[in-house]
């Protein structure tokens, strides 16, 4: 049984306590309203009581809104562990990608070592020093590989992913990451990313199947989708618009093999911003995508 759970967080604007919901905080509700739960034949587990608040960048970690990131991490980790232990397969609706270390820690707690297929337009290997903004959504891969801010890595018991159990699919920001001083995956002993061009050269279905087979060989794995893996023309309802990404049909081909394995522990999606989707077209596209790749 797929259980849908919302994590309504946003680290781009980062509200103060008492501010009305905005941005990616609205994503779980918008996707439910668009029919996500029924489309995948799932169960609605509601939203978790979490929010990222505060506009200060922590002096020790370099992370924006760090106290609430800690709280959110603990709540999400515990809930994902409980779902998996009870035999559910979670679909976690973010929110922003700050949720990833928490869901992966929960999966590790329940299942042991877990692999990760990370579909994102960014490498997300910044830390509290190299991130130009301090936004925790700059850092999820640095945290799960054990390279990120020490306090966050320690909080989740990182590293959470061994070098042979991570596949970075779709990043296209290597030049920018180098400019800001980010570490690169191969410098940490991980495989380099497969850019959209690399994926097209392999064929989307073939690249997805190869990643699935490699990850499933080691046991269970998680799939995380940041919608900015898509080209800005294909999916404009996100905060960091980038050209050169995947089209929706390409993403569908890539995801089908990844989500079709018995080794799949769960799926999360982040960075859809309903404030930038006035006609609901992007929400409908996501619902259609997940109905295809998860319902079967």
C-alpha atoms as a PDB file:
ATOM      1  CA  UNK A   1       0.000   0.000   0.000  1.00  0.00           C
ATOM      2  CA  UNK A   2       1.313   3.435  -0.957  1.00  0.00           C
ATOM      3  CA  UNK A   3       0.756   5.998   1.791  1.00  0.00           C
ATOM      4  CA  UNK A   4       0.908   9.655   0.796  1.00  0.00           C
ATOM      5  CA  UNK A   5       2.295  11.989   3.442  1.00  0.00           C
ATOM      6  CA  UNK A   6       2.917  15.714   3.135  1.00  0.00           C
ATOM      7  CA  UNK A   7       5.933  17.648   4.400  1.00  0.00           C
ATOM      8  CA  UNK A   8       4.872  21.296   3.904  1.00  0.00           C
ATOM      9  CA  UNK A   9       8.201  23.137   4.094  1.00  0.00           C
ATOM     10  CA  UNK A  10       9.868  25.929   2.105  1.00  0.00           C
ATOM     11  CA  UNK A  11      13.457  27.103   2.559  1.00  0.00           C
ATOM     12  CA  UNK A  12      13.580  29.676  -0.247  1.00  0.00           C
ATOM     13  CA  UNK A  13      11.559  32.429   1.413  1.00  0.00           C
ATOM     14  CA  UNK A  14      11.656  30.919   4.926  1.00  0.00           C
ATOM     15  CA  UNK A  15       8.728  32.466   6.802  1.00  0.00           C
ATOM     16  CA  UNK A  16       8.615  33.734  10.327  1.00  0.00           C
ATOM     17  CA  UNK A  17       6.289  31.976  12.747  1.00  0.00           C
ATOM     18  CA  UNK A  18       2.732  33.130  12.100  1.00  0.00           C
ATOM     19  CA  UNK A  19       3.252  34.007   8.430  1.00  0.00           C
ATOM     20  CA  UNK A  20       0.650  32.455   6.099  1.00  0.00           C
ATOM     21  CA  UNK A  21       1.657  29.369   4.081  1.00  0.00           C
ATOM     22  CA  UNK A  22       3.384  30.102   0.791  1.00  0.00           C
ATOM     23  CA  UNK A  23       5.525  28.606  -1.977  1.00  0.00           C
ATOM     24  CA  UNK A  24       6.397  24.942  -1.706  1.00  0.00           C
ATOM     25  CA  UNK A  25       4.628  24.749   1.663  1.00  0.00           C
ATOM     26  CA  UNK A  26       1.453  24.651  -0.443  1.00  0.00           C
ATOM     27  CA  UNK A  27       2.604  21.737  -2.564  1.00  0.00           C
ATOM     28  CA  UNK A  28       1.141  18.767  -0.625  1.00  0.00           C
ATOM     29  CA  UNK A  29      -2.290  20.364  -0.510  1.00  0.00           C
ATOM     30  CA  UNK A  30      -2.222  21.373  -4.158  1.00  0.00           C
ATOM     31  CA  UNK A  31      -1.215  17.894  -5.288  1.00  0.00           C
ATOM     32  CA  UNK A  32      -3.953  16.307  -3.190  1.00  0.00           C
ATOM     33  CA  UNK A  33      -6.489  18.736  -4.652  1.00  0.00           C
ATOM     34  CA  UNK A  34      -5.273  17.747  -8.116  1.00  0.00           C
ATOM     35  CA  UNK A  35      -6.115  14.110  -7.345  1.00  0.00           C
ATOM     36  CA  UNK A  36      -2.743  12.591  -6.471  1.00  0.00           C
ATOM     37  CA  UNK A  37      -3.947  10.091  -3.861  1.00  0.00           C
ATOM     38  CA  UNK A  38      -6.701   8.589  -6.002  1.00  0.00           C
ATOM     39  CA  UNK A  39      -4.525   8.643  -9.131  1.00  0.00           C
ATOM     40  CA  UNK A  40      -1.954   6.301  -7.580  1.00  0.00           C
ATOM     41  CA  UNK A  41      -4.505   4.204  -5.711  1.00  0.00           C
ATOM     42  CA  UNK A  42      -2.950   5.223  -2.407  1.00  0.00           C
ATOM     43  CA  UNK A  43      -3.919   6.038   1.151  1.00  0.00           C
ATOM     44  CA  UNK A  44      -3.783   9.608   2.454  1.00  0.00           C
ATOM     45  CA  UNK A  45      -1.633   9.875   5.560  1.00  0.00           C
ATOM     46  CA  UNK A  46      -2.094  13.639   5.956  1.00  0.00           C
ATOM     47  CA  UNK A  47       0.544  16.304   6.498  1.00  0.00           C
ATOM     48  CA  UNK A  48       3.207  16.219   9.187  1.00  0.00           C
ATOM     49  CA  UNK A  49       3.226  19.143  11.655  1.00  0.00           C
ATOM     50  CA  UNK A  50       6.464  20.714  10.440  1.00  0.00           C
ATOM     51  CA  UNK A  51       7.550  24.077   9.100  1.00  0.00           C
ATOM     52  CA  UNK A  52      10.872  25.793   8.432  1.00  0.00           C
ATOM     53  CA  UNK A  53      10.878  29.199  10.108  1.00  0.00           C
ATOM     54  CA  UNK A  54      13.373  31.971  10.713  1.00  0.00           C
ATOM     55  CA  UNK A  55      15.569  33.971   8.351  1.00  0.00           C
ATOM     56  CA  UNK A  56      18.855  33.734  10.237  1.00  0.00           C
ATOM     57  CA  UNK A  57      21.803  31.699   8.963  1.00  0.00           C
ATOM     58  CA  UNK A  58      23.200  29.665  11.851  1.00  0.00           C
ATOM     59  CA  UNK A  59      26.720  30.758  12.754  1.00  0.00           C
ATOM     60  CA  UNK A  60      27.957  27.220  13.492  1.00  0.00           C
ATOM     61  CA  UNK A  61      26.394  25.203  10.649  1.00  0.00           C
ATOM     62  CA  UNK A  62      25.839  27.884   8.012  1.00  0.00           C
ATOM     63  CA  UNK A  63      22.264  26.607   7.583  1.00  0.00           C
ATOM     64  CA  UNK A  64      19.262  28.882   7.254  1.00  0.00           C
ATOM     65  CA  UNK A  65      16.510  28.213   9.829  1.00  0.00           C
ATOM     66  CA  UNK A  66      18.633  25.496  11.435  1.00  0.00           C
ATOM     67  CA  UNK A  67      16.588  24.911  14.643  1.00  0.00           C
ATOM     68  CA  UNK A  68      13.470  24.146  12.615  1.00  0.00           C
ATOM     69  CA  UNK A  69      15.478  21.987  10.185  1.00  0.00           C
ATOM     70  CA  UNK A  70      16.478  19.875  13.192  1.00  0.00           C
ATOM     71  CA  UNK A  71      12.887  19.528  14.369  1.00  0.00           C
ATOM     72  CA  UNK A  72      11.593  18.715  10.897  1.00  0.00           C
ATOM     73  CA  UNK A  73      14.317  16.105  10.419  1.00  0.00           C
ATOM     74  CA  UNK A  74      13.399  14.295  13.611  1.00  0.00           C
ATOM     75  CA  UNK A  75       9.648  14.316  12.877  1.00  0.00           C
ATOM     76  CA  UNK A  76       9.949  13.147   9.266  1.00  0.00           C
ATOM     77  CA  UNK A  77      12.565  10.515  10.064  1.00  0.00           C
ATOM     78  CA  UNK A  78      10.409   8.980  12.784  1.00  0.00           C
ATOM     79  CA  UNK A  79       7.281   8.951  10.609  1.00  0.00           C
ATOM     80  CA  UNK A  80       8.975   7.371   7.596  1.00  0.00           C
ATOM     81  CA  UNK A  81      10.470   4.699   9.843  1.00  0.00           C
ATOM     82  CA  UNK A  82       7.019   3.927  11.265  1.00  0.00           C
ATOM     83  CA  UNK A  83       5.421   3.694   7.815  1.00  0.00           C
ATOM     84  CA  UNK A  84       8.077   1.364   6.453  1.00  0.00           C
ATOM     85  CA  UNK A  85       8.075  -0.801   9.563  1.00  0.00           C
ATOM     86  CA  UNK A  86       4.305  -1.176   9.189  1.00  0.00           C
ATOM     87  CA  UNK A  87       4.704  -2.357   5.588  1.00  0.00           C
ATOM     88  CA  UNK A  88       3.686   0.845   3.807  1.00  0.00           C
ATOM     89  CA  UNK A  89       5.509   2.346   0.840  1.00  0.00           C
ATOM     90  CA  UNK A  90       5.645   6.126   1.382  1.00  0.00           C
ATOM     91  CA  UNK A  91       5.118   8.783  -1.247  1.00  0.00           C
ATOM     92  CA  UNK A  92       6.397  11.910   0.494  1.00  0.00           C
ATOM     93  CA  UNK A  93       5.078  15.143  -0.966  1.00  0.00           C
ATOM     94  CA  UNK A  94       7.341  18.116  -0.257  1.00  0.00           C
ATOM     95  CA  UNK A  95       7.936  20.847   0.305  1.00  0.00           C
ATOM     96  CA  UNK A  96      11.541  21.424  -0.569  1.00  0.00           C
ATOM     97  CA  UNK A  97      14.413  18.944  -0.802  1.00  0.00           C
ATOM     98  CA  UNK A  98      15.469  19.676   2.776  1.00  0.00           C
ATOM     99  CA  UNK A  99      13.334  16.633   3.631  1.00  0.00           C
ATOM    100  CA  UNK A 100      15.657  14.133   1.919  1.00  0.00           C
ATOM    101  CA  UNK A 101      18.132  13.379   4.739  1.00  0.00           C
ATOM    102  CA  UNK A 102      15.182  12.780   7.063  1.00  0.00           C
ATOM    103  CA  UNK A 103      13.371  10.329   4.778  1.00  0.00           C
ATOM    104  CA  UNK A 104      16.586   8.473   4.006  1.00  0.00           C
ATOM    105  CA  UNK A 105      17.444   8.223   7.692  1.00  0.00           C
ATOM    106  CA  UNK A 106      13.960   6.843   8.378  1.00  0.00           C
ATOM    107  CA  UNK A 107      14.390   4.300   5.600  1.00  0.00           C
ATOM    108  CA  UNK A 108      17.800   3.279   6.963  1.00  0.00           C
ATOM    109  CA  UNK A 109      16.350   2.915  10.463  1.00  0.00           C
ATOM    110  CA  UNK A 110      13.598   0.613   9.194  1.00  0.00           C
ATOM    111  CA  UNK A 111      15.361  -1.312   6.441  1.00  0.00           C
ATOM    112  CA  UNK A 112      19.089  -1.054   6.985  1.00  0.00           C
ATOM    113  CA  UNK A 113      21.343   0.383   4.293  1.00  0.00           C
ATOM    114  CA  UNK A 114      19.353   2.089   1.548  1.00  0.00           C
ATOM    115  CA  UNK A 115      20.347   3.258  -1.924  1.00  0.00           C
ATOM    116  CA  UNK A 116      19.256   6.499  -3.577  1.00  0.00           C
ATOM    117  CA  UNK A 117      18.295   7.516  -7.093  1.00  0.00           C
ATOM    118  CA  UNK A 118      18.384  11.319  -7.014  1.00  0.00           C
ATOM    119  CA  UNK A 119      16.640  13.022  -9.945  1.00  0.00           C
ATOM    120  CA  UNK A 120      17.502  16.696  -9.699  1.00  0.00           C
ATOM    121  CA  UNK A 121      18.792  19.566 -11.775  1.00  0.00           C
ATOM    122  CA  UNK A 122      21.438  20.261  -9.128  1.00  0.00           C
ATOM    123  CA  UNK A 123      24.200  18.285  -7.478  1.00  0.00           C
ATOM    124  CA  UNK A 124      23.187  19.668  -4.053  1.00  0.00           C
ATOM    125  CA  UNK A 125      26.639  19.025  -2.596  1.00  0.00           C
ATOM    126  CA  UNK A 126      27.048  22.451  -1.008  1.00  0.00           C
ATOM    127  CA  UNK A 127      27.756  22.747   2.683  1.00  0.00           C
ATOM    128  CA  UNK A 128      27.249  25.559   5.181  1.00  0.00           C
ATOM    129  CA  UNK A 129      30.303  27.372   3.870  1.00  0.00           C
ATOM    130  CA  UNK A 130      29.970  26.961   0.096  1.00  0.00           C
ATOM    131  CA  UNK A 131      26.194  27.406  -0.231  1.00  0.00           C
ATOM    132  CA  UNK A 132      25.606  30.944  -1.486  1.00  0.00           C
ATOM    133  CA  UNK A 133      22.302  31.179   0.402  1.00  0.00           C
ATOM    134  CA  UNK A 134      22.503  28.803   3.352  1.00  0.00           C
ATOM    135  CA  UNK A 135      19.291  27.166   2.150  1.00  0.00           C
ATOM    136  CA  UNK A 136      19.278  23.589   3.438  1.00  0.00           C
ATOM    137  CA  UNK A 137      17.871  22.416   0.098  1.00  0.00           C
ATOM    138  CA  UNK A 138      21.327  23.225  -1.322  1.00  0.00           C
ATOM    139  CA  UNK A 139      22.812  20.472   0.842  1.00  0.00           C
ATOM    140  CA  UNK A 140      20.883  17.173   0.908  1.00  0.00           C
ATOM    141  CA  UNK A 141      23.418  15.128  -1.039  1.00  0.00           C
ATOM    142  CA  UNK A 142      26.282  16.565   0.991  1.00  0.00           C
ATOM    143  CA  UNK A 143      24.459  15.450   4.156  1.00  0.00           C
ATOM    144  CA  UNK A 144      23.573  11.925   3.016  1.00  0.00           C
ATOM    145  CA  UNK A 145      27.142  11.357   1.803  1.00  0.00           C
ATOM    146  CA  UNK A 146      28.518  12.542   5.135  1.00  0.00           C
ATOM    147  CA  UNK A 147      30.218  15.632   3.734  1.00  0.00           C
ATOM    148  CA  UNK A 148      27.693  18.275   4.818  1.00  0.00           C
ATOM    149  CA  UNK A 149      27.455  20.355   7.995  1.00  0.00           C
ATOM    150  CA  UNK A 150      28.642  18.122  10.835  1.00  0.00           C
ATOM    151  CA  UNK A 151      25.655  18.787  13.088  1.00  0.00           C
ATOM    152  CA  UNK A 152      23.185  17.734  10.380  1.00  0.00           C
ATOM    153  CA  UNK A 153      25.239  14.686   9.380  1.00  0.00           C
ATOM    154  CA  UNK A 154      25.416  13.638  13.029  1.00  0.00           C
ATOM    155  CA  UNK A 155      21.686  14.226  13.504  1.00  0.00           C
ATOM    156  CA  UNK A 156      20.829  11.646  10.833  1.00  0.00           C
ATOM    157  CA  UNK A 157      23.720   9.300  11.572  1.00  0.00           C
ATOM    158  CA  UNK A 158      25.403   9.936   8.248  1.00  0.00           C
ATOM    159  CA  UNK A 159      26.742   8.990   5.866  1.00  0.00           C
ATOM    160  CA  UNK A 160      23.473   7.375   4.804  1.00  0.00           C
ATOM    161  CA  UNK A 161      24.472   6.192   1.311  1.00  0.00           C
ATOM    162  CA  UNK A 162      27.527   4.165   0.386  1.00  0.00           C
ATOM    163  CA  UNK A 163      29.459   5.195  -2.743  1.00  0.00           C
ATOM    164  CA  UNK A 164      28.101   2.307  -4.823  1.00  0.00           C
ATOM    165  CA  UNK A 165      24.501   3.044  -3.844  1.00  0.00           C
ATOM    166  CA  UNK A 166      23.976   6.587  -5.155  1.00  0.00           C
ATOM    167  CA  UNK A 167      22.942   7.602  -8.649  1.00  0.00           C
ATOM    168  CA  UNK A 168      22.714  11.298  -9.521  1.00  0.00           C
ATOM    169  CA  UNK A 169      20.419  11.594 -12.532  1.00  0.00           C
ATOM    170  CA  UNK A 170      19.910  14.862 -14.386  1.00  0.00           C
ATOM    171  CA  UNK A 171      22.102  17.522 -12.702  1.00  0.00           C
ATOM    172  CA  UNK A 172      23.320  20.270 -14.990  1.00  0.00           C
ATOM    173  CA  UNK A 173      24.926  22.790 -12.627  1.00  0.00           C
ATOM    174  CA  UNK A 174      28.492  21.433 -12.415  1.00  0.00           C
ATOM    175  CA  UNK A 175      30.097  24.641 -13.688  1.00  0.00           C
ATOM    176  CA  UNK A 176      28.185  26.760 -11.184  1.00  0.00           C
ATOM    177  CA  UNK A 177      28.975  24.339  -8.356  1.00  0.00           C
ATOM    178  CA  UNK A 178      32.692  24.557  -9.155  1.00  0.00           C
ATOM    179  CA  UNK A 179      32.472  28.360  -9.215  1.00  0.00           C
ATOM    180  CA  UNK A 180      31.043  28.412  -5.678  1.00  0.00           C
ATOM    181  CA  UNK A 181      33.598  25.905  -4.394  1.00  0.00           C
ATOM    182  CA  UNK A 182      31.293  22.909  -3.972  1.00  0.00           C
ATOM    183  CA  UNK A 183      32.834  19.485  -3.633  1.00  0.00           C
ATOM    184  CA  UNK A 184      32.090  17.196  -6.587  1.00  0.00           C
ATOM    185  CA  UNK A 185      30.797  13.623  -6.301  1.00  0.00           C
ATOM    186  CA  UNK A 186      33.934  11.946  -7.607  1.00  0.00           C
ATOM    187  CA  UNK A 187      36.022  13.845  -5.035  1.00  0.00           C
ATOM    188  CA  UNK A 188      34.037  12.004  -2.352  1.00  0.00           C
ATOM    189  CA  UNK A 189      34.391   8.617  -4.032  1.00  0.00           C
ATOM    190  CA  UNK A 190      30.907   8.660  -5.611  1.00  0.00           C
ATOM    191  CA  UNK A 191      29.989   8.244  -9.257  1.00  0.00           C
ATOM    192  CA  UNK A 192      29.785  11.463 -11.267  1.00  0.00           C
ATOM    193  CA  UNK A 193      26.329  12.636 -12.237  1.00  0.00           C
ATOM    194  CA  UNK A 194      24.599  11.635 -15.451  1.00  0.00           C
ATOM    195  CA  UNK A 195      23.566  14.875 -17.125  1.00  0.00           C
ATOM    196  CA  UNK A 196      20.485  15.118 -19.351  1.00  0.00           C
ATOM    197  CA  UNK A 197      22.828  14.653 -22.315  1.00  0.00           C
ATOM    198  CA  UNK A 198      24.313  11.507 -20.776  1.00  0.00           C
ATOM    199  CA  UNK A 199      20.834  10.120 -20.110  1.00  0.00           C
ATOM    200  CA  UNK A 200      19.724  10.776 -23.682  1.00  0.00           C
ATOM    201  CA  UNK A 201      22.830   9.070 -25.001  1.00  0.00           C
ATOM    202  CA  UNK A 202      22.049   5.945 -22.955  1.00  0.00           C
ATOM    203  CA  UNK A 203      18.313   6.172 -23.592  1.00  0.00           C
ATOM    204  CA  UNK A 204      16.017   7.166 -20.735  1.00  0.00           C
ATOM    205  CA  UNK A 205      14.540   3.719 -20.165  1.00  0.00           C
ATOM    206  CA  UNK A 206      17.959   2.099 -20.375  1.00  0.00           C
ATOM    207  CA  UNK A 207      19.507   4.581 -17.950  1.00  0.00           C
ATOM    208  CA  UNK A 208      16.648   4.086 -15.498  1.00  0.00           C
ATOM    209  CA  UNK A 209      16.925   0.305 -15.740  1.00  0.00           C
ATOM    210  CA  UNK A 210      20.699   0.402 -15.239  1.00  0.00           C
ATOM    211  CA  UNK A 211      20.319   2.566 -12.120  1.00  0.00           C
ATOM    212  CA  UNK A 212      17.544   0.307 -10.814  1.00  0.00           C
ATOM    213  CA  UNK A 213      19.574  -2.853 -11.295  1.00  0.00           C
ATOM    214  CA  UNK A 214      22.666  -1.399  -9.640  1.00  0.00           C
ATOM    215  CA  UNK A 215      20.733  -0.065  -6.649  1.00  0.00           C
ATOM    216  CA  UNK A 216      18.509  -3.127  -6.197  1.00  0.00           C
ATOM    217  CA  UNK A 217      21.552  -5.401  -6.144  1.00  0.00           C
ATOM    218  CA  UNK A 218      22.419  -3.935  -2.747  1.00  0.00           C
ATOM    219  CA  UNK A 219      18.902  -4.113  -1.282  1.00  0.00           C
ATOM    220  CA  UNK A 220      16.209  -1.462  -0.934  1.00  0.00           C
ATOM    221  CA  UNK A 221      16.497   2.004  -2.408  1.00  0.00           C
ATOM    222  CA  UNK A 222      14.694   5.349  -2.412  1.00  0.00           C
ATOM    223  CA  UNK A 223      13.783   7.574  -5.383  1.00  0.00           C
ATOM    224  CA  UNK A 224      13.750  11.349  -4.927  1.00  0.00           C
ATOM    225  CA  UNK A 225      12.443  13.705  -7.615  1.00  0.00           C
ATOM    226  CA  UNK A 226      13.160  17.418  -7.597  1.00  0.00           C
ATOM    227  CA  UNK A 227      10.968  18.878 -10.323  1.00  0.00           C
ATOM    228  CA  UNK A 228      13.779  21.145 -11.505  1.00  0.00           C
ATOM    229  CA  UNK A 229      15.289  18.099 -13.209  1.00  0.00           C
ATOM    230  CA  UNK A 230      12.737  19.143 -15.831  1.00  0.00           C
ATOM    231  CA  UNK A 231      13.425  21.902 -18.313  1.00  0.00           C
ATOM    232  CA  UNK A 232      12.008  25.274 -17.310  1.00  0.00           C
ATOM    233  CA  UNK A 233       9.725  25.238 -20.353  1.00  0.00           C
ATOM    234  CA  UNK A 234       8.349  21.815 -19.454  1.00  0.00           C
ATOM    235  CA  UNK A 235       7.759  22.663 -15.782  1.00  0.00           C
ATOM    236  CA  UNK A 236       7.781  26.360 -14.868  1.00  0.00           C
ATOM    237  CA  UNK A 237       6.259  25.966 -11.379  1.00  0.00           C
ATOM    238  CA  UNK A 238       9.496  25.806  -9.406  1.00  0.00           C
ATOM    239  CA  UNK A 239      11.741  28.385  -7.772  1.00  0.00           C
ATOM    240  CA  UNK A 240      15.017  27.682  -9.564  1.00  0.00           C
ATOM    241  CA  UNK A 241      14.250  27.672 -13.273  1.00  0.00           C
ATOM    242  CA  UNK A 242      16.915  26.048 -15.430  1.00  0.00           C
ATOM    243  CA  UNK A 243      17.159  25.440 -19.167  1.00  0.00           C
ATOM    244  CA  UNK A 244      18.521  22.236 -20.620  1.00  0.00           C
ATOM    245  CA  UNK A 245      16.540  19.791 -18.499  1.00  0.00           C
ATOM    246  CA  UNK A 246      14.381  16.798 -19.273  1.00  0.00           C
ATOM    247  CA  UNK A 247      10.987  16.864 -20.912  1.00  0.00           C
ATOM    248  CA  UNK A 248       8.037  15.243 -19.191  1.00  0.00           C
ATOM    249  CA  UNK A 249       7.969  12.234 -21.558  1.00  0.00           C
ATOM    250  CA  UNK A 250      11.688  11.702 -20.913  1.00  0.00           C
ATOM    251  CA  UNK A 251      11.201  11.844 -17.152  1.00  0.00           C
ATOM    252  CA  UNK A 252       8.407   9.301 -17.411  1.00  0.00           C
ATOM    253  CA  UNK A 253      10.653   6.894 -19.325  1.00  0.00           C
ATOM    254  CA  UNK A 254      13.463   7.370 -16.824  1.00  0.00           C
ATOM    255  CA  UNK A 255      11.266   6.818 -13.767  1.00  0.00           C
ATOM    256  CA  UNK A 256       9.273   3.774 -14.901  1.00  0.00           C
ATOM    257  CA  UNK A 257      12.094   1.263 -14.345  1.00  0.00           C
ATOM    258  CA  UNK A 258      13.142   2.951 -11.099  1.00  0.00           C
ATOM    259  CA  UNK A 259       9.692   2.761  -9.544  1.00  0.00           C
ATOM    260  CA  UNK A 260       8.833  -0.675 -10.900  1.00  0.00           C
ATOM    261  CA  UNK A 261      11.118  -2.710  -8.649  1.00  0.00           C
ATOM    262  CA  UNK A 262      10.182  -4.645  -5.520  1.00  0.00           C
ATOM    263  CA  UNK A 263      13.321  -3.107  -3.988  1.00  0.00           C
ATOM    264  CA  UNK A 264      11.742   0.358  -4.085  1.00  0.00           C
ATOM    265  CA  UNK A 265      11.342   1.531  -0.475  1.00  0.00           C
ATOM    266  CA  UNK A 266       9.624   4.822  -1.210  1.00  0.00           C
ATOM    267  CA  UNK A 267       9.498   7.980  -3.285  1.00  0.00           C
ATOM    268  CA  UNK A 268       9.667  11.665  -2.483  1.00  0.00           C
ATOM    269  CA  UNK A 269       9.075  14.743  -4.595  1.00  0.00           C
ATOM    270  CA  UNK A 270      10.110  18.310  -3.934  1.00  0.00           C
ATOM    271  CA  UNK A 271      10.266  21.903  -5.134  1.00  0.00           C
ATOM    272  CA  UNK A 272       6.883  22.204  -6.860  1.00  0.00           C
ATOM    273  CA  UNK A 273       5.605  25.721  -6.106  1.00  0.00           C
ATOM    274  CA  UNK A 274       1.816  26.137  -6.538  1.00  0.00           C
ATOM    275  CA  UNK A 275       2.196  29.921  -6.347  1.00  0.00           C
ATOM    276  CA  UNK A 276       3.781  29.662  -9.813  1.00  0.00           C
ATOM    277  CA  UNK A 277       1.068  27.368 -11.166  1.00  0.00           C
ATOM    278  CA  UNK A 278      -2.064  29.547 -11.402  1.00  0.00           C
ATOM    279  CA  UNK A 279      -3.930  27.249 -13.790  1.00  0.00           C
ATOM    280  CA  UNK A 280      -2.853  24.006 -12.075  1.00  0.00           C
ATOM    281  CA  UNK A 281      -1.223  22.640 -15.227  1.00  0.00           C
ATOM    282  CA  UNK A 282       2.007  21.672 -13.482  1.00  0.00           C
ATOM    283  CA  UNK A 283       0.145  19.921 -10.664  1.00  0.00           C
ATOM    284  CA  UNK A 284      -1.873  17.980 -13.217  1.00  0.00           C
ATOM    285  CA  UNK A 285       1.335  16.978 -15.008  1.00  0.00           C
ATOM    286  CA  UNK A 286       2.822  15.635 -11.772  1.00  0.00           C
ATOM    287  CA  UNK A 287      -0.327  13.694 -10.927  1.00  0.00           C
ATOM    288  CA  UNK A 288      -0.346  12.174 -14.410  1.00  0.00           C
ATOM    289  CA  UNK A 289       3.338  11.265 -14.074  1.00  0.00           C
ATOM    290  CA  UNK A 290       2.904   9.512 -10.750  1.00  0.00           C
ATOM    291  CA  UNK A 291      -0.278   7.782 -11.839  1.00  0.00           C
ATOM    292  CA  UNK A 292       1.790   6.222 -14.607  1.00  0.00           C
ATOM    293  CA  UNK A 293       4.939   5.305 -12.680  1.00  0.00           C
ATOM    294  CA  UNK A 294       3.419   4.268  -9.343  1.00  0.00           C
ATOM    295  CA  UNK A 295      -0.076   2.897  -9.842  1.00  0.00           C
ATOM    296  CA  UNK A 296       1.011  -0.269 -11.654  1.00  0.00           C
END
